[in-house]
Amino acid sequence: MVFTHIPASLFLLTVTVAPTFPAAAALLLVREGLVEMDVPTRTSYVMAVVQDDERPFASGVTHLVRMTGWAMAPAIAGLAAGSAGSLAVPLWIGAGMKITYDVLL
């Protein structure tokens, strides 16, 4: 996870200094290609460590936690951007949180 998440977070940071929209879009596409690479491995691991009858519940809980974060993120990012007066602030916060998470992991 760390080998794909940290470069993905660094690409997210560079979006804020991209000189043009096509450059920013390319950086975001590269980031998206890296950030989700661990999902199949993590899902496979979770399914391997839980008992057969608990797999649907474990999969549901894992997916629900991920989706809850994705659902709340735009509102929180909007508040951060509005209060800071910069659209880059939510990207900095998100990348910083993800790098911190990966280093602690």
PDB file of N, CA and C in Angstrom:
ATOM      1  N   MET A   1       0.816  -1.199   0.000  1.00  0.00           N
ATOM      2  CA  MET A   1       0.000   0.000   0.000  1.00  0.00           C
ATOM      3  C   MET A   1       0.855   1.256   0.000  1.00  0.00           C
ATOM      4  N   VAL A   2       1.888   1.249   0.805  1.00  0.00           N
ATOM      5  CA  VAL A   2       2.722   2.441   0.948  1.00  0.00           C
ATOM      6  C   VAL A   2       3.422   2.796  -0.363  1.00  0.00           C
ATOM      7  N   PHE A   3       3.801   1.786  -1.116  1.00  0.00           N
ATOM      8  CA  PHE A   3       4.551   2.036  -2.351  1.00  0.00           C
ATOM      9  C   PHE A   3       3.695   2.659  -3.444  1.00  0.00           C
ATOM     10  N   THR A   4       2.391   2.576  -3.336  1.00  0.00           N
ATOM     11  CA  THR A   4       1.523   3.242  -4.301  1.00  0.00           C
ATOM     12  C   THR A   4       0.855   4.481  -3.719  1.00  0.00           C
ATOM     13  N   HIS A   5       0.561   4.469  -2.425  1.00  0.00           N
ATOM     14  CA  HIS A   5      -0.137   5.608  -1.829  1.00  0.00           C
ATOM     15  C   HIS A   5       0.726   6.854  -1.721  1.00  0.00           C
ATOM     16  N   ILE A   6       1.967   6.705  -1.304  1.00  0.00           N
ATOM     17  CA  ILE A   6       2.810   7.899  -1.129  1.00  0.00           C
ATOM     18  C   ILE A   6       3.074   8.591  -2.466  1.00  0.00           C
ATOM     19  N   PRO A   7       3.452   7.878  -3.537  1.00  0.00           N
ATOM     20  CA  PRO A   7       3.573   8.580  -4.822  1.00  0.00           C
ATOM     21  C   PRO A   7       2.253   9.202  -5.282  1.00  0.00           C
ATOM     22  N   ALA A   8       1.136   8.510  -5.033  1.00  0.00           N
ATOM     23  CA  ALA A   8      -0.168   9.068  -5.402  1.00  0.00           C
ATOM     24  C   ALA A   8      -0.429  10.366  -4.648  1.00  0.00           C
ATOM     25  N   SER A   9      -0.076  10.410  -3.382  1.00  0.00           N
ATOM     26  CA  SER A   9      -0.262  11.628  -2.588  1.00  0.00           C
ATOM     27  C   SER A   9       0.652  12.748  -3.062  1.00  0.00           C
ATOM     28  N   LEU A  10       1.840  12.399  -3.457  1.00  0.00           N
ATOM     29  CA  LEU A  10       2.750  13.415  -3.997  1.00  0.00           C
ATOM     30  C   LEU A  10       2.227  13.979  -5.317  1.00  0.00           C
ATOM     31  N   PHE A  11       1.632  13.130  -6.145  1.00  0.00           N
ATOM     32  CA  PHE A  11       1.008  13.629  -7.372  1.00  0.00           C
ATOM     33  C   PHE A  11      -0.151  14.566  -7.041  1.00  0.00           C
ATOM     34  N   LEU A  12      -0.887  14.260  -5.988  1.00  0.00           N
ATOM     35  CA  LEU A  12      -1.987  15.133  -5.574  1.00  0.00           C
ATOM     36  C   LEU A  12      -1.453  16.500  -5.146  1.00  0.00           C
ATOM     37  N   LEU A  13      -0.340  16.515  -4.452  1.00  0.00           N
ATOM     38  CA  LEU A  13       0.269  17.799  -4.059  1.00  0.00           C
ATOM     39  C   LEU A  13       0.715  18.601  -5.272  1.00  0.00           C
ATOM     40  N   THR A  14       1.232  17.919  -6.292  1.00  0.00           N
ATOM     41  CA  THR A  14       1.734  18.646  -7.469  1.00  0.00           C
ATOM     42  C   THR A  14       0.606  19.212  -8.325  1.00  0.00           C
ATOM     43  N   VAL A  15      -0.601  18.712  -8.154  1.00  0.00           N
ATOM     44  CA  VAL A  15      -1.735  19.264  -8.900  1.00  0.00           C
ATOM     45  C   VAL A  15      -1.910  20.736  -8.572  1.00  0.00           C
ATOM     46  N   THR A  16      -1.636  21.111  -7.341  1.00  0.00           N
ATOM     47  CA  THR A  16      -1.850  22.505  -6.914  1.00  0.00           C
ATOM     48  C   THR A  16      -0.879  23.480  -7.562  1.00  0.00           C
ATOM     49  N   VAL A  17       0.200  22.989  -8.117  1.00  0.00           N
ATOM     50  CA  VAL A  17       1.170  23.876  -8.773  1.00  0.00           C
ATOM     51  C   VAL A  17       1.268  23.612 -10.269  1.00  0.00           C
ATOM     52  N   ALA A  18       0.353  22.839 -10.804  1.00  0.00           N
ATOM     53  CA  ALA A  18       0.352  22.550 -12.241  1.00  0.00           C
ATOM     54  C   ALA A  18       0.096  23.853 -13.010  1.00  0.00           C
ATOM     55  N   PRO A  19       0.863  24.084 -14.068  1.00  0.00           N
ATOM     56  CA  PRO A  19       0.731  25.362 -14.777  1.00  0.00           C
ATOM     57  C   PRO A  19      -0.515  25.467 -15.656  1.00  0.00           C
ATOM     58  N   THR A  20      -1.052  24.335 -16.106  1.00  0.00           N
ATOM     59  CA  THR A  20      -2.212  24.355 -16.995  1.00  0.00           C
ATOM     60  C   THR A  20      -3.208  23.283 -16.565  1.00  0.00           C
ATOM     61  N   PHE A  21      -4.436  23.417 -17.080  1.00  0.00           N
ATOM     62  CA  PHE A  21      -5.445  22.405 -16.784  1.00  0.00           C
ATOM     63  C   PHE A  21      -5.061  21.025 -17.315  1.00  0.00           C
ATOM     64  N   PRO A  22      -4.566  20.910 -18.569  1.00  0.00           N
ATOM     65  CA  PRO A  22      -4.181  19.573 -19.041  1.00  0.00           C
ATOM     66  C   PRO A  22      -3.101  18.921 -18.169  1.00  0.00           C
ATOM     67  N   ALA A  23      -2.163  19.719 -17.674  1.00  0.00           N
ATOM     68  CA  ALA A  23      -1.131  19.167 -16.788  1.00  0.00           C
ATOM     69  C   ALA A  23      -1.747  18.693 -15.476  1.00  0.00           C
ATOM     70  N   ALA A  24      -2.661  19.482 -14.916  1.00  0.00           N
ATOM     71  CA  ALA A  24      -3.332  19.094 -13.667  1.00  0.00           C
ATOM     72  C   ALA A  24      -4.165  17.842 -13.879  1.00  0.00           C
ATOM     73  N   ALA A  25      -4.865  17.775 -15.003  1.00  0.00           N
ATOM     74  CA  ALA A  25      -5.683  16.594 -15.293  1.00  0.00           C
ATOM     75  C   ALA A  25      -4.814  15.353 -15.444  1.00  0.00           C
ATOM     76  N   ALA A  26      -3.664  15.491 -16.113  1.00  0.00           N
ATOM     77  CA  ALA A  26      -2.754  14.356 -16.277  1.00  0.00           C
ATOM     78  C   ALA A  26      -2.225  13.889 -14.924  1.00  0.00           C
ATOM     79  N   LEU A  27      -1.878  14.826 -14.045  1.00  0.00           N
ATOM     80  CA  LEU A  27      -1.397  14.462 -12.712  1.00  0.00           C
ATOM     81  C   LEU A  27      -2.476  13.739 -11.914  1.00  0.00           C
ATOM     82  N   LEU A  28      -3.710  14.199 -12.036  1.00  0.00           N
ATOM     83  CA  LEU A  28      -4.802  13.526 -11.327  1.00  0.00           C
ATOM     84  C   LEU A  28      -5.053  12.126 -11.884  1.00  0.00           C
ATOM     85  N   LEU A  29      -4.922  11.963 -13.193  1.00  0.00           N
ATOM     86  CA  LEU A  29      -5.113  10.634 -13.787  1.00  0.00           C
ATOM     87  C   LEU A  29      -4.020   9.661 -13.340  1.00  0.00           C
ATOM     88  N   VAL A  30      -2.792  10.136 -13.271  1.00  0.00           N
ATOM     89  CA  VAL A  30      -1.697   9.290 -12.790  1.00  0.00           C
ATOM     90  C   VAL A  30      -1.940   8.935 -11.322  1.00  0.00           C
ATOM     91  N   ARG A  31      -2.384   9.906 -10.550  1.00  0.00           N
ATOM     92  CA  ARG A  31      -2.685   9.658  -9.137  1.00  0.00           C
ATOM     93  C   ARG A  31      -3.768   8.594  -8.987  1.00  0.00           C
ATOM     94  N   GLU A  32      -4.836   8.725  -9.749  1.00  0.00           N
ATOM     95  CA  GLU A  32      -5.923   7.755  -9.659  1.00  0.00           C
ATOM     96  C   GLU A  32      -5.468   6.358 -10.064  1.00  0.00           C
ATOM     97  N   GLY A  33      -4.524   6.290 -11.000  1.00  0.00           N
ATOM     98  CA  GLY A  33      -3.987   4.994 -11.390  1.00  0.00           C
ATOM     99  C   GLY A  33      -3.201   4.325 -10.277  1.00  0.00           C
ATOM    100  N   LEU A  34      -2.608   5.107  -9.417  1.00  0.00           N
ATOM    101  CA  LEU A  34      -1.797   4.563  -8.325  1.00  0.00           C
ATOM    102  C   LEU A  34      -2.583   4.323  -7.040  1.00  0.00           C
ATOM    103  N   VAL A  35      -3.523   5.202  -6.745  1.00  0.00           N
ATOM    104  CA  VAL A  35      -4.150   5.200  -5.425  1.00  0.00           C
ATOM    105  C   VAL A  35      -5.039   3.982  -5.187  1.00  0.00           C
ATOM    106  N   GLU A  36      -5.573   3.383  -6.218  1.00  0.00           N
ATOM    107  CA  GLU A  36      -6.479   2.251  -6.042  1.00  0.00           C
ATOM    108  C   GLU A  36      -5.815   0.895  -6.276  1.00  0.00           C
ATOM    109  N   MET A  37      -4.509   0.864  -6.465  1.00  0.00           N
ATOM    110  CA  MET A  37      -3.833  -0.396  -6.770  1.00  0.00           C
ATOM    111  C   MET A  37      -3.867  -1.395  -5.615  1.00  0.00           C
ATOM    112  N   ASP A  38      -4.035  -0.923  -4.410  1.00  0.00           N
ATOM    113  CA  ASP A  38      -4.015  -1.817  -3.259  1.00  0.00           C
ATOM    114  C   ASP A  38      -5.374  -2.428  -2.943  1.00  0.00           C
ATOM    115  N   VAL A  39      -6.440  -1.943  -3.555  1.00  0.00           N
ATOM    116  CA  VAL A  39      -7.787  -2.402  -3.216  1.00  0.00           C
ATOM    117  C   VAL A  39      -7.973  -3.904  -3.454  1.00  0.00           C
ATOM    118  N   PRO A  40      -7.608  -4.451  -4.617  1.00  0.00           N
ATOM    119  CA  PRO A  40      -7.781  -5.905  -4.785  1.00  0.00           C
ATOM    120  C   PRO A  40      -6.973  -6.730  -3.784  1.00  0.00           C
ATOM    121  N   THR A  41      -5.765  -6.292  -3.499  1.00  0.00           N
ATOM    122  CA  THR A  41      -4.924  -7.018  -2.550  1.00  0.00           C
ATOM    123  C   THR A  41      -5.516  -6.959  -1.146  1.00  0.00           C
ATOM    124  N   ARG A  42      -5.961  -5.778  -0.741  1.00  0.00           N
ATOM    125  CA  ARG A  42      -6.548  -5.628   0.592  1.00  0.00           C
ATOM    126  C   ARG A  42      -7.839  -6.433   0.707  1.00  0.00           C
ATOM    127  N   THR A  43      -8.662  -6.393  -0.318  1.00  0.00           N
ATOM    128  CA  THR A  43      -9.908  -7.154  -0.303  1.00  0.00           C
ATOM    129  C   THR A  43      -9.630  -8.649  -0.223  1.00  0.00           C
ATOM    130  N   SER A  44      -8.661  -9.106  -1.002  1.00  0.00           N
ATOM    131  CA  SER A  44      -8.288 -10.516  -0.976  1.00  0.00           C
ATOM    132  C   SER A  44      -7.779 -10.924   0.401  1.00  0.00           C
ATOM    133  N   TYR A  45      -6.987 -10.060   1.021  1.00  0.00           N
ATOM    134  CA  TYR A  45      -6.457 -10.352   2.356  1.00  0.00           C
ATOM    135  C   TYR A  45      -7.588 -10.451   3.375  1.00  0.00           C
ATOM    136  N   VAL A  46      -8.518  -9.486   3.331  1.00  0.00           N
ATOM    137  CA  VAL A  46      -9.638  -9.503   4.281  1.00  0.00           C
ATOM    138  C   VAL A  46     -10.446 -10.784   4.111  1.00  0.00           C
ATOM    139  N   MET A  47     -10.692 -11.163   2.865  1.00  0.00           N
ATOM    140  CA  MET A  47     -11.466 -12.382   2.613  1.00  0.00           C
ATOM    141  C   MET A  47     -10.717 -13.636   3.060  1.00  0.00           C
ATOM    142  N   ALA A  48      -9.397 -13.591   3.059  1.00  0.00           N
ATOM    143  CA  ALA A  48      -8.605 -14.750   3.465  1.00  0.00           C
ATOM    144  C   ALA A  48      -8.546 -14.916   4.984  1.00  0.00           C
ATOM    145  N   VAL A  49      -8.638 -13.820   5.724  1.00  0.00           N
ATOM    146  CA  VAL A  49      -8.471 -13.918   7.173  1.00  0.00           C
ATOM    147  C   VAL A  49      -9.785 -14.083   7.933  1.00  0.00           C
ATOM    148  N   VAL A  50     -10.920 -13.913   7.257  1.00  0.00           N
ATOM    149  CA  VAL A  50     -12.191 -14.111   7.948  1.00  0.00           C
ATOM    150  C   VAL A  50     -12.802 -15.452   7.535  1.00  0.00           C
ATOM    151  N   GLN A  51     -13.672 -15.962   8.375  1.00  0.00           N
ATOM    152  CA  GLN A  51     -14.321 -17.236   8.078  1.00  0.00           C
ATOM    153  C   GLN A  51     -15.316 -17.060   6.926  1.00  0.00           C
ATOM    154  N   ASP A  52     -15.588 -18.172   6.248  1.00  0.00           N
ATOM    155  CA  ASP A  52     -16.458 -18.130   5.073  1.00  0.00           C
ATOM    156  C   ASP A  52     -17.807 -17.473   5.342  1.00  0.00           C
ATOM    157  N   ASP A  53     -18.418 -17.786   6.473  1.00  0.00           N
ATOM    158  CA  ASP A  53     -19.739 -17.244   6.758  1.00  0.00           C
ATOM    159  C   ASP A  53     -19.698 -15.768   7.159  1.00  0.00           C
ATOM    160  N   GLU A  54     -18.522 -15.228   7.471  1.00  0.00           N
ATOM    161  CA  GLU A  54     -18.384 -13.823   7.855  1.00  0.00           C
ATOM    162  C   GLU A  54     -17.926 -12.937   6.710  1.00  0.00           C
ATOM    163  N   ARG A  55     -17.613 -13.512   5.559  1.00  0.00           N
ATOM    164  CA  ARG A  55     -17.080 -12.739   4.440  1.00  0.00           C
ATOM    165  C   ARG A  55     -18.035 -11.657   3.932  1.00  0.00           C
ATOM    166  N   PRO A  56     -19.315 -11.940   3.739  1.00  0.00           N
ATOM    167  CA  PRO A  56     -20.206 -10.856   3.278  1.00  0.00           C
ATOM    168  C   PRO A  56     -20.254  -9.679   4.258  1.00  0.00           C
ATOM    169  N   PHE A  57     -20.306  -9.982   5.552  1.00  0.00           N
ATOM    170  CA  PHE A  57     -20.338  -8.912   6.554  1.00  0.00           C
ATOM    171  C   PHE A  57     -19.034  -8.117   6.538  1.00  0.00           C
ATOM    172  N   ALA A  58     -17.898  -8.813   6.497  1.00  0.00           N
ATOM    173  CA  ALA A  58     -16.596  -8.132   6.487  1.00  0.00           C
ATOM    174  C   ALA A  58     -16.452  -7.274   5.239  1.00  0.00           C
ATOM    175  N   SER A  59     -16.871  -7.791   4.101  1.00  0.00           N
ATOM    176  CA  SER A  59     -16.807  -7.020   2.865  1.00  0.00           C
ATOM    177  C   SER A  59     -17.704  -5.798   2.933  1.00  0.00           C
ATOM    178  N   GLY A  60     -18.897  -5.968   3.483  1.00  0.00           N
ATOM    179  CA  GLY A  60     -19.829  -4.850   3.608  1.00  0.00           C
ATOM    180  C   GLY A  60     -19.316  -3.758   4.525  1.00  0.00           C
ATOM    181  N   VAL A  61     -18.766  -4.153   5.658  1.00  0.00           N
ATOM    182  CA  VAL A  61     -18.241  -3.163   6.604  1.00  0.00           C
ATOM    183  C   VAL A  61     -17.058  -2.413   5.997  1.00  0.00           C
ATOM    184  N   THR A  62     -16.157  -3.146   5.360  1.00  0.00           N
ATOM    185  CA  THR A  62     -14.996  -2.505   4.731  1.00  0.00           C
ATOM    186  C   THR A  62     -15.441  -1.513   3.666  1.00  0.00           C
ATOM    187  N   HIS A  63     -16.383  -1.925   2.845  1.00  0.00           N
ATOM    188  CA  HIS A  63     -16.870  -1.056   1.770  1.00  0.00           C
ATOM    189  C   HIS A  63     -17.632   0.137   2.339  1.00  0.00           C
ATOM    190  N   LEU A  64     -18.427  -0.082   3.354  1.00  0.00           N
ATOM    191  CA  LEU A  64     -19.204   0.999   3.961  1.00  0.00           C
ATOM    192  C   LEU A  64     -18.299   2.076   4.555  1.00  0.00           C
ATOM    193  N   VAL A  65     -17.234   1.666   5.211  1.00  0.00           N
ATOM    194  CA  VAL A  65     -16.302   2.640   5.791  1.00  0.00           C
ATOM    195  C   VAL A  65     -15.650   3.473   4.693  1.00  0.00           C
ATOM    196  N   ARG A  66     -15.230   2.822   3.619  1.00  0.00           N
ATOM    197  CA  ARG A  66     -14.616   3.554   2.506  1.00  0.00           C
ATOM    198  C   ARG A  66     -15.602   4.526   1.870  1.00  0.00           C
ATOM    199  N   MET A  67     -16.825   4.085   1.640  1.00  0.00           N
ATOM    200  CA  MET A  67     -17.835   4.930   0.993  1.00  0.00           C
ATOM    201  C   MET A  67     -18.260   6.096   1.888  1.00  0.00           C
ATOM    202  N   THR A  68     -18.286   5.891   3.191  1.00  0.00           N
ATOM    203  CA  THR A  68     -18.634   6.974   4.113  1.00  0.00           C
ATOM    204  C   THR A  68     -17.599   8.089   4.020  1.00  0.00           C
ATOM    205  N   GLY A  69     -16.335   7.719   3.968  1.00  0.00           N
ATOM    206  CA  GLY A  69     -15.285   8.723   3.803  1.00  0.00           C
ATOM    207  C   GLY A  69     -15.408   9.463   2.489  1.00  0.00           C
ATOM    208  N   TRP A  70     -15.685   8.743   1.425  1.00  0.00           N
ATOM    209  CA  TRP A  70     -15.842   9.375   0.108  1.00  0.00           C
ATOM    210  C   TRP A  70     -17.061  10.283   0.075  1.00  0.00           C
ATOM    211  N   ALA A  71     -18.121   9.921   0.792  1.00  0.00           N
ATOM    212  CA  ALA A  71     -19.341  10.725   0.790  1.00  0.00           C
ATOM    213  C   ALA A  71     -19.166  12.020   1.576  1.00  0.00           C
ATOM    214  N   MET A  72     -18.413  11.978   2.651  1.00  0.00           N
ATOM    215  CA  MET A  72     -18.233  13.158   3.500  1.00  0.00           C
ATOM    216  C   MET A  72     -17.143  14.090   2.981  1.00  0.00           C
ATOM    217  N   ALA A  73     -16.204  13.574   2.236  1.00  0.00           N
ATOM    218  CA  ALA A  73     -15.041  14.356   1.814  1.00  0.00           C
ATOM    219  C   ALA A  73     -15.387  15.625   1.040  1.00  0.00           C
ATOM    220  N   PRO A  74     -16.305  15.618   0.072  1.00  0.00           N
ATOM    221  CA  PRO A  74     -16.584  16.859  -0.658  1.00  0.00           C
ATOM    222  C   PRO A  74     -17.102  17.988   0.236  1.00  0.00           C
ATOM    223  N   ALA A  75     -17.950  17.667   1.203  1.00  0.00           N
ATOM    224  CA  ALA A  75     -18.459  18.705   2.097  1.00  0.00           C
ATOM    225  C   ALA A  75     -17.338  19.281   2.955  1.00  0.00           C
ATOM    226  N   ILE A  76     -16.502  18.410   3.466  1.00  0.00           N
ATOM    227  CA  ILE A  76     -15.384  18.875   4.297  1.00  0.00           C
ATOM    228  C   ILE A  76     -14.397  19.680   3.459  1.00  0.00           C
ATOM    229  N   ALA A  77     -14.132  19.233   2.242  1.00  0.00           N
ATOM    230  CA  ALA A  77     -13.222  19.962   1.356  1.00  0.00           C
ATOM    231  C   ALA A  77     -13.788  21.331   1.006  1.00  0.00           C
ATOM    232  N   GLY A  78     -15.089  21.401   0.769  1.00  0.00           N
ATOM    233  CA  GLY A  78     -15.715  22.687   0.479  1.00  0.00           C
ATOM    234  C   GLY A  78     -15.594  23.652   1.637  1.00  0.00           C
ATOM    235  N   LEU A  79     -15.803  23.160   2.839  1.00  0.00           N
ATOM    236  CA  LEU A  79     -15.643  24.014   4.023  1.00  0.00           C
ATOM    237  C   LEU A  79     -14.199  24.482   4.178  1.00  0.00           C
ATOM    238  N   ALA A  80     -13.257  23.566   3.964  1.00  0.00           N
ATOM    239  CA  ALA A  80     -11.832  23.930   4.088  1.00  0.00           C
ATOM    240  C   ALA A  80     -11.431  24.950   3.031  1.00  0.00           C
ATOM    241  N   ALA A  81     -11.874  24.737   1.802  1.00  0.00           N
ATOM    242  CA  ALA A  81     -11.526  25.676   0.725  1.00  0.00           C
ATOM    243  C   ALA A  81     -12.177  27.030   0.955  1.00  0.00           C
ATOM    244  N   GLY A  82     -13.423  27.019   1.427  1.00  0.00           N
ATOM    245  CA  GLY A  82     -14.122  28.280   1.663  1.00  0.00           C
ATOM    246  C   GLY A  82     -13.519  29.079   2.800  1.00  0.00           C
ATOM    247  N   SER A  83     -13.168  28.417   3.877  1.00  0.00           N
ATOM    248  CA  SER A  83     -12.609  29.139   5.022  1.00  0.00           C
ATOM    249  C   SER A  83     -11.180  29.579   4.790  1.00  0.00           C
ATOM    250  N   ALA A  84     -10.429  28.823   3.980  1.00  0.00           N
ATOM    251  CA  ALA A  84      -9.041  29.192   3.709  1.00  0.00           C
ATOM    252  C   ALA A  84      -8.919  30.129   2.517  1.00  0.00           C
ATOM    253  N   GLY A  85      -9.948  30.159   1.666  1.00  0.00           N
ATOM    254  CA  GLY A  85      -9.900  31.023   0.492  1.00  0.00           C
ATOM    255  C   GLY A  85      -9.028  30.479  -0.628  1.00  0.00           C
ATOM    256  N   SER A  86      -8.723  29.202  -0.580  1.00  0.00           N
ATOM    257  CA  SER A  86      -7.868  28.596  -1.601  1.00  0.00           C
ATOM    258  C   SER A  86      -8.367  27.193  -1.911  1.00  0.00           C
ATOM    259  N   LEU A  87      -8.468  26.884  -3.191  1.00  0.00           N
ATOM    260  CA  LEU A  87      -8.884  25.543  -3.587  1.00  0.00           C
ATOM    261  C   LEU A  87      -7.786  24.508  -3.373  1.00  0.00           C
ATOM    262  N   ALA A  88      -6.569  24.943  -3.151  1.00  0.00           N
ATOM    263  CA  ALA A  88      -5.455  24.021  -2.948  1.00  0.00           C
ATOM    264  C   ALA A  88      -5.447  23.428  -1.540  1.00  0.00           C
ATOM    265  N   VAL A  89      -6.027  24.104  -0.583  1.00  0.00           N
ATOM    266  CA  VAL A  89      -5.966  23.670   0.818  1.00  0.00           C
ATOM    267  C   VAL A  89      -6.534  22.262   1.022  1.00  0.00           C
ATOM    268  N   PRO A  90      -7.712  21.937   0.474  1.00  0.00           N
ATOM    269  CA  PRO A  90      -8.204  20.569   0.676  1.00  0.00           C
ATOM    270  C   PRO A  90      -7.272  19.509   0.077  1.00  0.00           C
ATOM    271  N   LEU A  91      -6.629  19.819  -1.021  1.00  0.00           N
ATOM    272  CA  LEU A  91      -5.692  18.867  -1.621  1.00  0.00           C
ATOM    273  C   LEU A  91      -4.469  18.678  -0.731  1.00  0.00           C
ATOM    274  N   TRP A  92      -3.983  19.767  -0.156  1.00  0.00           N
ATOM    275  CA  TRP A  92      -2.842  19.666   0.765  1.00  0.00           C
ATOM    276  C   TRP A  92      -3.219  18.857   1.998  1.00  0.00           C
ATOM    277  N   ILE A  93      -4.395  19.132   2.540  1.00  0.00           N
ATOM    278  CA  ILE A  93      -4.833  18.411   3.732  1.00  0.00           C
ATOM    279  C   ILE A  93      -5.009  16.925   3.421  1.00  0.00           C
ATOM    280  N   GLY A  94      -5.672  16.622   2.318  1.00  0.00           N
ATOM    281  CA  GLY A  94      -5.893  15.229   1.938  1.00  0.00           C
ATOM    282  C   GLY A  94      -4.600  14.472   1.705  1.00  0.00           C
ATOM    283  N   ALA A  95      -3.677  15.093   0.976  1.00  0.00           N
ATOM    284  CA  ALA A  95      -2.390  14.438   0.725  1.00  0.00           C
ATOM    285  C   ALA A  95      -1.604  14.264   2.018  1.00  0.00           C
ATOM    286  N   GLY A  96      -1.636  15.273   2.874  1.00  0.00           N
ATOM    287  CA  GLY A  96      -0.937  15.173   4.155  1.00  0.00           C
ATOM    288  C   GLY A  96      -1.496  14.082   5.041  1.00  0.00           C
ATOM    289  N   MET A  97      -2.823  13.965   5.065  1.00  0.00           N
ATOM    290  CA  MET A  97      -3.447  12.917   5.869  1.00  0.00           C
ATOM    291  C   MET A  97      -3.098  11.528   5.327  1.00  0.00           C
ATOM    292  N   LYS A  98      -3.105  11.395   4.019  1.00  0.00           N
ATOM    293  CA  LYS A  98      -2.828  10.094   3.411  1.00  0.00           C
ATOM    294  C   LYS A  98      -1.356   9.703   3.624  1.00  0.00           C
ATOM    295  N   ILE A  99      -0.445  10.650   3.485  1.00  0.00           N
ATOM    296  CA  ILE A  99       0.978  10.356   3.724  1.00  0.00           C
ATOM    297  C   ILE A  99       1.196   9.992   5.186  1.00  0.00           C
ATOM    298  N   THR A 100       0.568  10.720   6.098  1.00  0.00           N
ATOM    299  CA  THR A 100       0.691  10.401   7.527  1.00  0.00           C
ATOM    300  C   THR A 100       0.169   9.006   7.820  1.00  0.00           C
ATOM    301  N   TYR A 101      -0.969   8.672   7.246  1.00  0.00           N
ATOM    302  CA  TYR A 101      -1.556   7.344   7.408  1.00  0.00           C
ATOM    303  C   TYR A 101      -0.596   6.263   6.908  1.00  0.00           C
ATOM    304  N   ASP A 102      -0.020   6.495   5.733  1.00  0.00           N
ATOM    305  CA  ASP A 102       0.892   5.489   5.166  1.00  0.00           C
ATOM    306  C   ASP A 102       2.172   5.326   5.984  1.00  0.00           C
ATOM    307  N   VAL A 103       2.701   6.423   6.475  1.00  0.00           N
ATOM    308  CA  VAL A 103       3.918   6.350   7.292  1.00  0.00           C
ATOM    309  C   VAL A 103       3.622   5.620   8.604  1.00  0.00           C
ATOM    310  N   LEU A 104       2.471   5.897   9.210  1.00  0.00           N
ATOM    311  CA  LEU A 104       2.105   5.215  10.449  1.00  0.00           C
ATOM    312  C   LEU A 104       1.815   3.727  10.215  1.00  0.00           C
ATOM    313  N   LEU A 105       1.304   3.417   9.032  1.00  0.00           N
ATOM    314  CA  LEU A 105       1.002   2.030   8.701  1.00  0.00           C
ATOM    315  C   LEU A 105       2.276   1.208   8.612  1.00  0.00           C
TER     316      LEU A 105
END
